[in-house]
Amino acid sequence: MIEESLKSVDTRRLKRQFEGKGEVKGFRFTQIARNDFAVIYEKVYKNYIQTTYEVFEIKVNTRFNSESYPTSKAFGIWAFDVPTMKSAIEKFQEISKKVKERRNKKAEETV
């Protein structure tokens, strides 16, 4: 238990803002909401031509001890691209609730 809490302190967190590379080149990502379970990024395409929101469960890559941004394969599974801030907040709350319940259940099983 203590090891887990120490490990999380050293985990590198997702950047608050970054420019897309590769398949998301031309997009700027800005983190606008976060809790212990999920995150929302505003995704803006060149000069605000298009804005959408990416909402996803926070996952840690244990190999690199860092939180990882989802790849395109994760979308529709544990990451979602939604068109409005309202839908982003709804999805954020949904993901947060599910992850919290899953973690609580896992903690109860280990006791």
Foldseek 3Di string as FASTA:
>chain_A
DVVVVVLLVPAAEDDQWDADDDPRHQWIWGWDDDDQFKTKIWIAGHPNPAIKIKIFTFDADVVVSYTDDDDPVCDPPGMHIGRDPVVNVVVNVVRRVVVVVVVVVVVVVVD
